[in-house]
PDB file of N, CA and C in Angstrom:
ATOM      1  N   UNK A   1     -14.254  -8.718   0.619  1.00  0.00           N
ATOM      2  CA  UNK A   1     -12.508  -7.783   1.374  1.00  0.00           C
ATOM      3  C   UNK A   1     -12.675  -6.943   2.998  1.00  0.00           C
ATOM      4  N   UNK A   2     -12.203  -7.536   3.463  1.00  0.00           N
ATOM      5  CA  UNK A   2     -12.206  -6.513   5.206  1.00  0.00           C
ATOM      6  C   UNK A   2     -10.990  -5.601   5.005  1.00  0.00           C
ATOM      7  N   UNK A   3     -11.393  -4.222   5.656  1.00  0.00           N
ATOM      8  CA  UNK A   3     -10.882  -3.586   5.497  1.00  0.00           C
ATOM      9  C   UNK A   3     -10.794  -3.139   7.702  1.00  0.00           C
ATOM     10  N   UNK A   4      -9.810  -2.618   7.501  1.00  0.00           N
ATOM     11  CA  UNK A   4      -9.401  -2.381   9.399  1.00  0.00           C
ATOM     12  C   UNK A   4      -9.116  -0.736   9.238  1.00  0.00           C
ATOM     13  N   UNK A   5      -9.588  -0.304   9.704  1.00  0.00           N
ATOM     14  CA  UNK A   5      -9.199   1.567   9.848  1.00  0.00           C
ATOM     15  C   UNK A   5      -7.864   1.492  10.310  1.00  0.00           C
ATOM     16  N   UNK A   6      -6.753   2.639   9.593  1.00  0.00           N
ATOM     17  CA  UNK A   6      -5.867   3.093   9.652  1.00  0.00           C
ATOM     18  C   UNK A   6      -5.564   4.413  10.612  1.00  0.00           C
ATOM     19  N   UNK A   7      -4.456   3.992  11.067  1.00  0.00           N
ATOM     20  CA  UNK A   7      -3.861   5.276  12.008  1.00  0.00           C
ATOM     21  C   UNK A   7      -4.194   6.385  11.372  1.00  0.00           C
ATOM     22  N   UNK A   8      -3.771   7.730  11.490  1.00  0.00           N
ATOM     23  CA  UNK A   8      -3.368   9.064  11.518  1.00  0.00           C
ATOM     24  C   UNK A   8      -2.667   8.888  10.184  1.00  0.00           C
ATOM     25  N   UNK A   9      -1.457   8.666  11.250  1.00  0.00           N
ATOM     26  CA  UNK A   9      -0.256   8.282  10.057  1.00  0.00           C
ATOM     27  C   UNK A   9      -0.148   7.066   8.494  1.00  0.00           C
ATOM     28  N   UNK A  10      -1.168   6.654   8.832  1.00  0.00           N
ATOM     29  CA  UNK A  10      -0.973   5.102   7.920  1.00  0.00           C
ATOM     30  C   UNK A  10      -1.852   5.971   7.084  1.00  0.00           C
ATOM     31  N   UNK A  11      -3.270   6.368   7.431  1.00  0.00           N
ATOM     32  CA  UNK A  11      -3.376   7.376   5.958  1.00  0.00           C
ATOM     33  C   UNK A  11      -3.447   8.177   5.621  1.00  0.00           C
ATOM     34  N   UNK A  12      -2.241   8.964   6.056  1.00  0.00           N
ATOM     35  CA  UNK A  12      -1.735   9.669   4.944  1.00  0.00           C
ATOM     36  C   UNK A  12      -0.144   9.388   4.387  1.00  0.00           C
ATOM     37  N   UNK A  13       0.289   7.709   4.776  1.00  0.00           N
ATOM     38  CA  UNK A  13       0.737   6.950   4.025  1.00  0.00           C
ATOM     39  C   UNK A  13       0.144   6.923   2.397  1.00  0.00           C
ATOM     40  N   UNK A  14      -0.700   6.339   3.041  1.00  0.00           N
ATOM     41  CA  UNK A  14      -2.397   6.006   2.215  1.00  0.00           C
ATOM     42  C   UNK A  14      -2.901   6.926   1.300  1.00  0.00           C
ATOM     43  N   UNK A  15      -2.583   7.105   1.429  1.00  0.00           N
ATOM     44  CA  UNK A  15      -3.605   8.836   0.742  1.00  0.00           C
ATOM     45  C   UNK A  15      -2.455   9.174   0.235  1.00  0.00           C
ATOM     46  N   UNK A  16      -0.934   9.643   0.412  1.00  0.00           N
ATOM     47  CA  UNK A  16       0.294  10.079  -0.507  1.00  0.00           C
ATOM     48  C   UNK A  16       0.467   9.028  -1.494  1.00  0.00           C
ATOM     49  N   UNK A  17       0.569   7.342  -1.077  1.00  0.00           N
ATOM     50  CA  UNK A  17       0.961   6.858  -2.656  1.00  0.00           C
ATOM     51  C   UNK A  17      -0.247   6.571  -3.816  1.00  0.00           C
ATOM     52  N   UNK A  18      -1.718   6.738  -2.713  1.00  0.00           N
ATOM     53  CA  UNK A  18      -3.250   6.736  -3.939  1.00  0.00           C
ATOM     54  C   UNK A  18      -2.844   8.319  -4.901  1.00  0.00           C
ATOM     55  N   UNK A  19      -2.166   9.521  -4.214  1.00  0.00           N
ATOM     56  CA  UNK A  19      -2.734  10.453  -5.243  1.00  0.00           C
ATOM     57  C   UNK A  19      -1.622  10.708  -6.103  1.00  0.00           C
ATOM     58  N   UNK A  20       0.188   9.493  -5.583  1.00  0.00           N
ATOM     59  CA  UNK A  20       0.852  10.315  -6.604  1.00  0.00           C
ATOM     60  C   UNK A  20       0.223   8.370  -8.340  1.00  0.00           C
ATOM     61  N   UNK A  21       0.022   7.521  -7.543  1.00  0.00           N
ATOM     62  CA  UNK A  21      -0.313   6.002  -8.312  1.00  0.00           C
ATOM     63  C   UNK A  21      -1.259   5.553  -8.512  1.00  0.00           C
ATOM     64  N   UNK A  22      -2.430   6.260  -7.856  1.00  0.00           N
ATOM     65  CA  UNK A  22      -3.687   5.441  -8.009  1.00  0.00           C
ATOM     66  C   UNK A  22      -4.108   4.049  -7.673  1.00  0.00           C
ATOM     67  N   UNK A  23      -4.766   3.187  -8.844  1.00  0.00           N
ATOM     68  CA  UNK A  23      -4.259   1.557  -8.851  1.00  0.00           C
ATOM     69  C   UNK A  23      -3.038   1.323  -9.049  1.00  0.00           C
ATOM     70  N   UNK A  24      -2.392   1.977 -10.040  1.00  0.00           N
ATOM     71  CA  UNK A  24      -1.452   0.906 -10.750  1.00  0.00           C
ATOM     72  C   UNK A  24      -0.101   0.464 -10.048  1.00  0.00           C
ATOM     73  N   UNK A  25      -0.201  -0.642 -10.701  1.00  0.00           N
ATOM     74  CA  UNK A  25       0.900  -1.074  -9.781  1.00  0.00           C
ATOM     75  C   UNK A  25       2.170  -0.355  -9.538  1.00  0.00           C
ATOM     76  N   UNK A  26       3.042  -0.961  -8.293  1.00  0.00           N
ATOM     77  CA  UNK A  26       4.064  -0.607  -8.145  1.00  0.00           C
ATOM     78  C   UNK A  26       5.258  -1.348  -7.508  1.00  0.00           C
ATOM     79  N   UNK A  27       6.911  -0.748  -7.419  1.00  0.00           N
ATOM     80  CA  UNK A  27       7.695  -1.051  -6.967  1.00  0.00           C
ATOM     81  C   UNK A  27       8.138  -0.952  -5.696  1.00  0.00           C
ATOM     82  N   UNK A  28       8.330  -1.245  -4.772  1.00  0.00           N
ATOM     83  CA  UNK A  28       9.680  -0.845  -3.792  1.00  0.00           C
ATOM     84  C   UNK A  28      10.100   0.567  -3.987  1.00  0.00           C
ATOM     85  N   UNK A  29      10.392   0.652  -4.694  1.00  0.00           N
ATOM     86  CA  UNK A  29      11.814   1.805  -5.150  1.00  0.00           C
ATOM     87  C   UNK A  29      10.569   3.273  -5.720  1.00  0.00           C
ATOM     88  N   UNK A  30       9.357   2.680  -5.659  1.00  0.00           N
ATOM     89  CA  UNK A  30       8.007   3.772  -6.542  1.00  0.00           C
ATOM     90  C   UNK A  30       8.121   4.663  -4.948  1.00  0.00           C
ATOM     91  N   UNK A  31       7.144   3.430  -3.604  1.00  0.00           N
ATOM     92  CA  UNK A  31       7.338   3.857  -2.882  1.00  0.00           C
ATOM     93  C   UNK A  31       7.902   4.528  -2.370  1.00  0.00           C
ATOM     94  N   UNK A  32       8.833   3.873  -2.131  1.00  0.00           N
ATOM     95  CA  UNK A  32      11.092   4.851  -1.730  1.00  0.00           C
ATOM     96  C   UNK A  32      11.055   6.012  -1.558  1.00  0.00           C
ATOM     97  N   UNK A  33      10.672   6.312  -3.191  1.00  0.00           N
ATOM     98  CA  UNK A  33      10.405   7.863  -3.837  1.00  0.00           C
ATOM     99  C   UNK A  33       8.973   8.422  -3.224  1.00  0.00           C
ATOM    100  N   UNK A  34       8.327   7.707  -2.879  1.00  0.00           N
ATOM    101  CA  UNK A  34       6.972   8.603  -3.101  1.00  0.00           C
ATOM    102  C   UNK A  34       7.026   9.215  -1.072  1.00  0.00           C
ATOM    103  N   UNK A  35       7.112   7.942   0.006  1.00  0.00           N
ATOM    104  CA  UNK A  35       7.376   7.993   0.632  1.00  0.00           C
ATOM    105  C   UNK A  35       8.329   8.685   1.785  1.00  0.00           C
ATOM    106  N   UNK A  36       9.981   8.540   1.087  1.00  0.00           N
ATOM    107  CA  UNK A  36      10.892   9.312   1.365  1.00  0.00           C
ATOM    108  C   UNK A  36      11.065   8.431   3.430  1.00  0.00           C
ATOM    109  N   UNK A  37      10.900   6.948   3.061  1.00  0.00           N
ATOM    110  CA  UNK A  37      11.027   6.981   4.509  1.00  0.00           C
ATOM    111  C   UNK A  37      12.560   5.893   4.341  1.00  0.00           C
ATOM    112  N   UNK A  38      13.479   5.205   5.189  1.00  0.00           N
ATOM    113  CA  UNK A  38      14.085   4.270   4.589  1.00  0.00           C
ATOM    114  C   UNK A  38      13.505   3.022   4.747  1.00  0.00           C
ATOM    115  N   UNK A  39      13.845   2.033   4.619  1.00  0.00           N
ATOM    116  CA  UNK A  39      14.322   0.737   3.901  1.00  0.00           C
ATOM    117  C   UNK A  39      13.269  -0.544   4.950  1.00  0.00           C
ATOM    118  N   UNK A  40      13.747   0.384   6.416  1.00  0.00           N
ATOM    119  CA  UNK A  40      13.440  -0.555   7.122  1.00  0.00           C
ATOM    120  C   UNK A  40      11.336  -0.351   7.249  1.00  0.00           C
ATOM    121  N   UNK A  41      11.319   1.463   7.547  1.00  0.00           N
ATOM    122  CA  UNK A  41      10.084   1.954   8.206  1.00  0.00           C
ATOM    123  C   UNK A  41       9.290   1.902   6.559  1.00  0.00           C
ATOM    124  N   UNK A  42       9.452   2.477   5.378  1.00  0.00           N
ATOM    125  CA  UNK A  42       8.601   1.370   4.938  1.00  0.00           C
ATOM    126  C   UNK A  42       8.377   0.603   4.327  1.00  0.00           C
ATOM    127  N   UNK A  43       9.319  -0.518   4.283  1.00  0.00           N
ATOM    128  CA  UNK A  43       8.286  -2.366   4.905  1.00  0.00           C
ATOM    129  C   UNK A  43       7.888  -2.905   5.649  1.00  0.00           C
ATOM    130  N   UNK A  44       7.876  -1.383   6.591  1.00  0.00           N
ATOM    131  CA  UNK A  44       6.557  -1.752   8.094  1.00  0.00           C
ATOM    132  C   UNK A  44       5.794  -0.729   7.716  1.00  0.00           C
ATOM    133  N   UNK A  45       5.848  -0.326   6.824  1.00  0.00           N
ATOM    134  CA  UNK A  45       4.033   1.179   6.238  1.00  0.00           C
ATOM    135  C   UNK A  45       3.621  -0.267   5.445  1.00  0.00           C
ATOM    136  N   UNK A  46       4.162  -0.636   4.356  1.00  0.00           N
ATOM    137  CA  UNK A  46       4.087  -1.253   3.263  1.00  0.00           C
ATOM    138  C   UNK A  46       3.169  -3.145   4.112  1.00  0.00           C
ATOM    139  N   UNK A  47       3.733  -3.522   5.300  1.00  0.00           N
ATOM    140  CA  UNK A  47       3.418  -4.509   5.879  1.00  0.00           C
ATOM    141  C   UNK A  47       1.837  -4.042   6.067  1.00  0.00           C
ATOM    142  N   UNK A  48       1.810  -3.101   7.353  1.00  0.00           N
ATOM    143  CA  UNK A  48       0.603  -3.064   7.752  1.00  0.00           C
ATOM    144  C   UNK A  48      -0.120  -2.313   6.754  1.00  0.00           C
ATOM    145  N   UNK A  49       0.034  -1.207   5.736  1.00  0.00           N
ATOM    146  CA  UNK A  49      -1.315  -1.468   4.882  1.00  0.00           C
ATOM    147  C   UNK A  49      -1.468  -2.318   4.692  1.00  0.00           C
ATOM    148  N   UNK A  50      -0.641  -3.081   4.226  1.00  0.00           N
ATOM    149  CA  UNK A  50      -1.012  -5.290   2.816  1.00  0.00           C
ATOM    150  C   UNK A  50      -1.990  -5.821   4.052  1.00  0.00           C
ATOM    151  N   UNK A  51      -1.736  -5.637   6.027  1.00  0.00           N
ATOM    152  CA  UNK A  51      -2.292  -6.520   7.041  1.00  0.00           C
ATOM    153  C   UNK A  51      -4.031  -5.682   6.867  1.00  0.00           C
ATOM    154  N   UNK A  52      -3.748  -4.961   7.195  1.00  0.00           N
ATOM    155  CA  UNK A  52      -4.854  -3.946   6.964  1.00  0.00           C
ATOM    156  C   UNK A  52      -6.012  -4.123   5.864  1.00  0.00           C
ATOM    157  N   UNK A  53      -5.664  -4.478   4.815  1.00  0.00           N
ATOM    158  CA  UNK A  53      -7.154  -4.463   3.754  1.00  0.00           C
ATOM    159  C   UNK A  53      -6.425  -3.418   2.476  1.00  0.00           C
ATOM    160  N   UNK A  54      -5.529  -2.146   2.837  1.00  0.00           N
ATOM    161  CA  UNK A  54      -5.951  -1.177   1.917  1.00  0.00           C
ATOM    162  C   UNK A  54      -4.341  -1.493   0.568  1.00  0.00           C
ATOM    163  N   UNK A  55      -3.928  -2.367   1.148  1.00  0.00           N
ATOM    164  CA  UNK A  55      -2.443  -2.986  -0.022  1.00  0.00           C
ATOM    165  C   UNK A  55      -2.927  -4.076  -0.846  1.00  0.00           C
ATOM    166  N   UNK A  56      -2.449  -5.054  -1.873  1.00  0.00           N
ATOM    167  CA  UNK A  56      -2.799  -5.869  -2.411  1.00  0.00           C
ATOM    168  C   UNK A  56      -1.026  -6.291  -2.843  1.00  0.00           C
ATOM    169  N   UNK A  57      -0.598  -7.220  -2.732  1.00  0.00           N
ATOM    170  CA  UNK A  57       0.124  -7.804  -3.383  1.00  0.00           C
ATOM    171  C   UNK A  57       0.561  -9.339  -4.415  1.00  0.00           C
ATOM    172  N   UNK A  58       1.505  -8.785  -5.376  1.00  0.00           N
ATOM    173  CA  UNK A  58       1.671 -10.756  -5.496  1.00  0.00           C
ATOM    174  C   UNK A  58       3.093 -10.591  -6.370  1.00  0.00           C
ATOM    175  N   UNK A  59       3.530 -11.189  -6.648  1.00  0.00           N
ATOM    176  CA  UNK A  59       4.996 -12.041  -7.118  1.00  0.00           C
ATOM    177  C   UNK A  59       5.081 -10.468  -8.736  1.00  0.00           C
ATOM    178  N   UNK A  60       6.204 -10.075  -9.043  1.00  0.00           N
ATOM    179  CA  UNK A  60       6.807  -9.350  -9.468  1.00  0.00           C
ATOM    180  C   UNK A  60       7.280 -10.153 -10.563  1.00  0.00           C
ATOM    181  N   UNK A  61       6.927 -10.137 -12.225  1.00  0.00           N
ATOM    182  CA  UNK A  61       6.766 -11.215 -13.084  1.00  0.00           C
ATOM    183  C   UNK A  61       8.007 -10.870 -13.820  1.00  0.00           C
ATOM    184  N   UNK A  62       8.647 -10.293 -13.611  1.00  0.00           N
ATOM    185  CA  UNK A  62      10.394 -10.338 -14.061  1.00  0.00           C
ATOM    186  C   UNK A  62      11.435 -11.132 -12.982  1.00  0.00           C
ATOM    187  N   UNK A  63      12.006 -10.410 -11.913  1.00  0.00           N
ATOM    188  CA  UNK A  63      12.325 -10.341 -10.925  1.00  0.00           C
ATOM    189  C   UNK A  63      11.997 -11.091  -9.814  1.00  0.00           C
ATOM    190  N   UNK A  64      12.097 -12.027  -9.583  1.00  0.00           N
ATOM    191  CA  UNK A  64      12.126 -13.482  -8.236  1.00  0.00           C
ATOM    192  C   UNK A  64      11.789 -12.744  -7.435  1.00  0.00           C
ATOM    193  N   UNK A  65      12.583 -12.015  -6.655  1.00  0.00           N
ATOM    194  CA  UNK A  65      12.846 -11.678  -5.229  1.00  0.00           C
ATOM    195  C   UNK A  65      11.716 -10.609  -5.077  1.00  0.00           C
ATOM    196  N   UNK A  66      10.991  -9.818  -5.992  1.00  0.00           N
ATOM    197  CA  UNK A  66      10.296  -8.508  -6.406  1.00  0.00           C
ATOM    198  C   UNK A  66       9.047  -8.804  -6.340  1.00  0.00           C
ATOM    199  N   UNK A  67       8.573  -7.992  -5.261  1.00  0.00           N
ATOM    200  CA  UNK A  67       6.782  -7.965  -5.375  1.00  0.00           C
ATOM    201  C   UNK A  67       6.695  -6.736  -5.982  1.00  0.00           C
ATOM    202  N   UNK A  68       4.957  -7.049  -6.140  1.00  0.00           N
ATOM    203  CA  UNK A  68       4.216  -5.856  -6.900  1.00  0.00           C
ATOM    204  C   UNK A  68       3.429  -5.604  -6.565  1.00  0.00           C
ATOM    205  N   UNK A  69       3.294  -3.701  -5.607  1.00  0.00           N
ATOM    206  CA  UNK A  69       2.101  -3.776  -3.820  1.00  0.00           C
ATOM    207  C   UNK A  69       1.612  -3.044  -5.480  1.00  0.00           C
ATOM    208  N   UNK A  70      -0.233  -2.652  -5.237  1.00  0.00           N
ATOM    209  CA  UNK A  70      -1.185  -1.864  -5.373  1.00  0.00           C
ATOM    210  C   UNK A  70      -2.224  -0.867  -4.533  1.00  0.00           C
ATOM    211  N   UNK A  71      -2.596  -0.395  -4.606  1.00  0.00           N
ATOM    212  CA  UNK A  71      -3.601   0.496  -3.193  1.00  0.00           C
ATOM    213  C   UNK A  71      -4.738   0.316  -4.024  1.00  0.00           C
ATOM    214  N   UNK A  72      -5.689  -0.508  -2.855  1.00  0.00           N
ATOM    215  CA  UNK A  72      -6.712  -0.262  -2.711  1.00  0.00           C
ATOM    216  C   UNK A  72      -7.344   0.653  -3.535  1.00  0.00           C
ATOM    217  N   UNK A  73      -8.219   0.600  -4.010  1.00  0.00           N
ATOM    218  CA  UNK A  73      -9.078   1.878  -4.413  1.00  0.00           C
ATOM    219  C   UNK A  73      -9.768   2.499  -2.833  1.00  0.00           C
ATOM    220  N   UNK A  74     -10.217   4.460  -3.193  1.00  0.00           N
ATOM    221  CA  UNK A  74     -10.750   4.748  -1.225  1.00  0.00           C
ATOM    222  C   UNK A  74     -11.686   4.135  -0.735  1.00  0.00           C
ATOM    223  N   UNK A  75     -12.728   4.149  -2.570  1.00  0.00           N
ATOM    224  CA  UNK A  75     -13.819   3.741  -2.073  1.00  0.00           C
ATOM    225  C   UNK A  75     -14.217   2.243  -1.056  1.00  0.00           C
ATOM    226  N   UNK A  76     -13.242   1.294  -2.335  1.00  0.00           N
ATOM    227  CA  UNK A  76     -13.296  -0.778  -1.945  1.00  0.00           C
ATOM    228  C   UNK A  76     -12.587   0.098  -0.616  1.00  0.00           C
ATOM    229  N   UNK A  77     -12.184   0.083  -0.188  1.00  0.00           N
ATOM    230  CA  UNK A  77     -11.070  -0.340   0.833  1.00  0.00           C
ATOM    231  C   UNK A  77     -12.428   0.311   2.197  1.00  0.00           C
ATOM    232  N   UNK A  78     -12.954   1.610   2.294  1.00  0.00           N
ATOM    233  CA  UNK A  78     -14.064   2.091   2.948  1.00  0.00           C
ATOM    234  C   UNK A  78     -14.815   0.702   2.700  1.00  0.00           C
ATOM    235  N   UNK A  79     -15.548   1.126   2.052  1.00  0.00           N
ATOM    236  CA  UNK A  79     -16.688  -0.170   2.011  1.00  0.00           C
ATOM    237  C   UNK A  79     -16.343  -1.094   2.518  1.00  0.00           C
ATOM    238  N   UNK A  80     -14.866  -1.652   2.761  1.00  0.00           N
ATOM    239  CA  UNK A  80     -14.650  -2.644   3.328  1.00  0.00           C
ATOM    240  C   UNK A  80     -14.495  -3.005   4.980  1.00  0.00           C
ATOM    241  N   UNK A  81     -14.411  -1.484   5.255  1.00  0.00           N
ATOM    242  CA  UNK A  81     -14.684  -1.682   7.232  1.00  0.00           C
ATOM    243  C   UNK A  81     -15.803  -1.519   7.731  1.00  0.00           C
ATOM    244  N   UNK A  82     -17.377  -1.943   6.702  1.00  0.00           N
ATOM    245  CA  UNK A  82     -18.224  -1.877   7.490  1.00  0.00           C
ATOM    246  C   UNK A  82     -18.529  -2.838   6.972  1.00  0.00           C
ATOM    247  N   UNK A  83     -17.861  -4.175   6.879  1.00  0.00           N
ATOM    248  CA  UNK A  83     -18.104  -5.282   6.694  1.00  0.00           C
ATOM    249  C   UNK A  83     -17.801  -6.075   8.631  1.00  0.00           C
TER     250      UNK A  83
END
C-alpha cells in the first residue's frame, strides 16, 4: 500500500480520529462528532485521507447508502510513504 504525505491540517484530523477510534470501523457521524466539521468539510477531509492512503472504506453491512471507514494504523501508513 502506498501513501502520500498529509498536510499539517490533514495530519491533525487523522491523529484526532486515530486517538479516538484506533483501527475500529466507524461511520460518518462518528467522525463528525470527533472532528466537529460540517458535512461538506468532513466529506472533503475523508475523501483526501482515503485518496492519500490513510483511510479505507467499505460498504456498510446494513445501510446500503452508508460506508464504514477505518483509519490505517500510523505505522502502516508511514511505512507506505517510502514505497
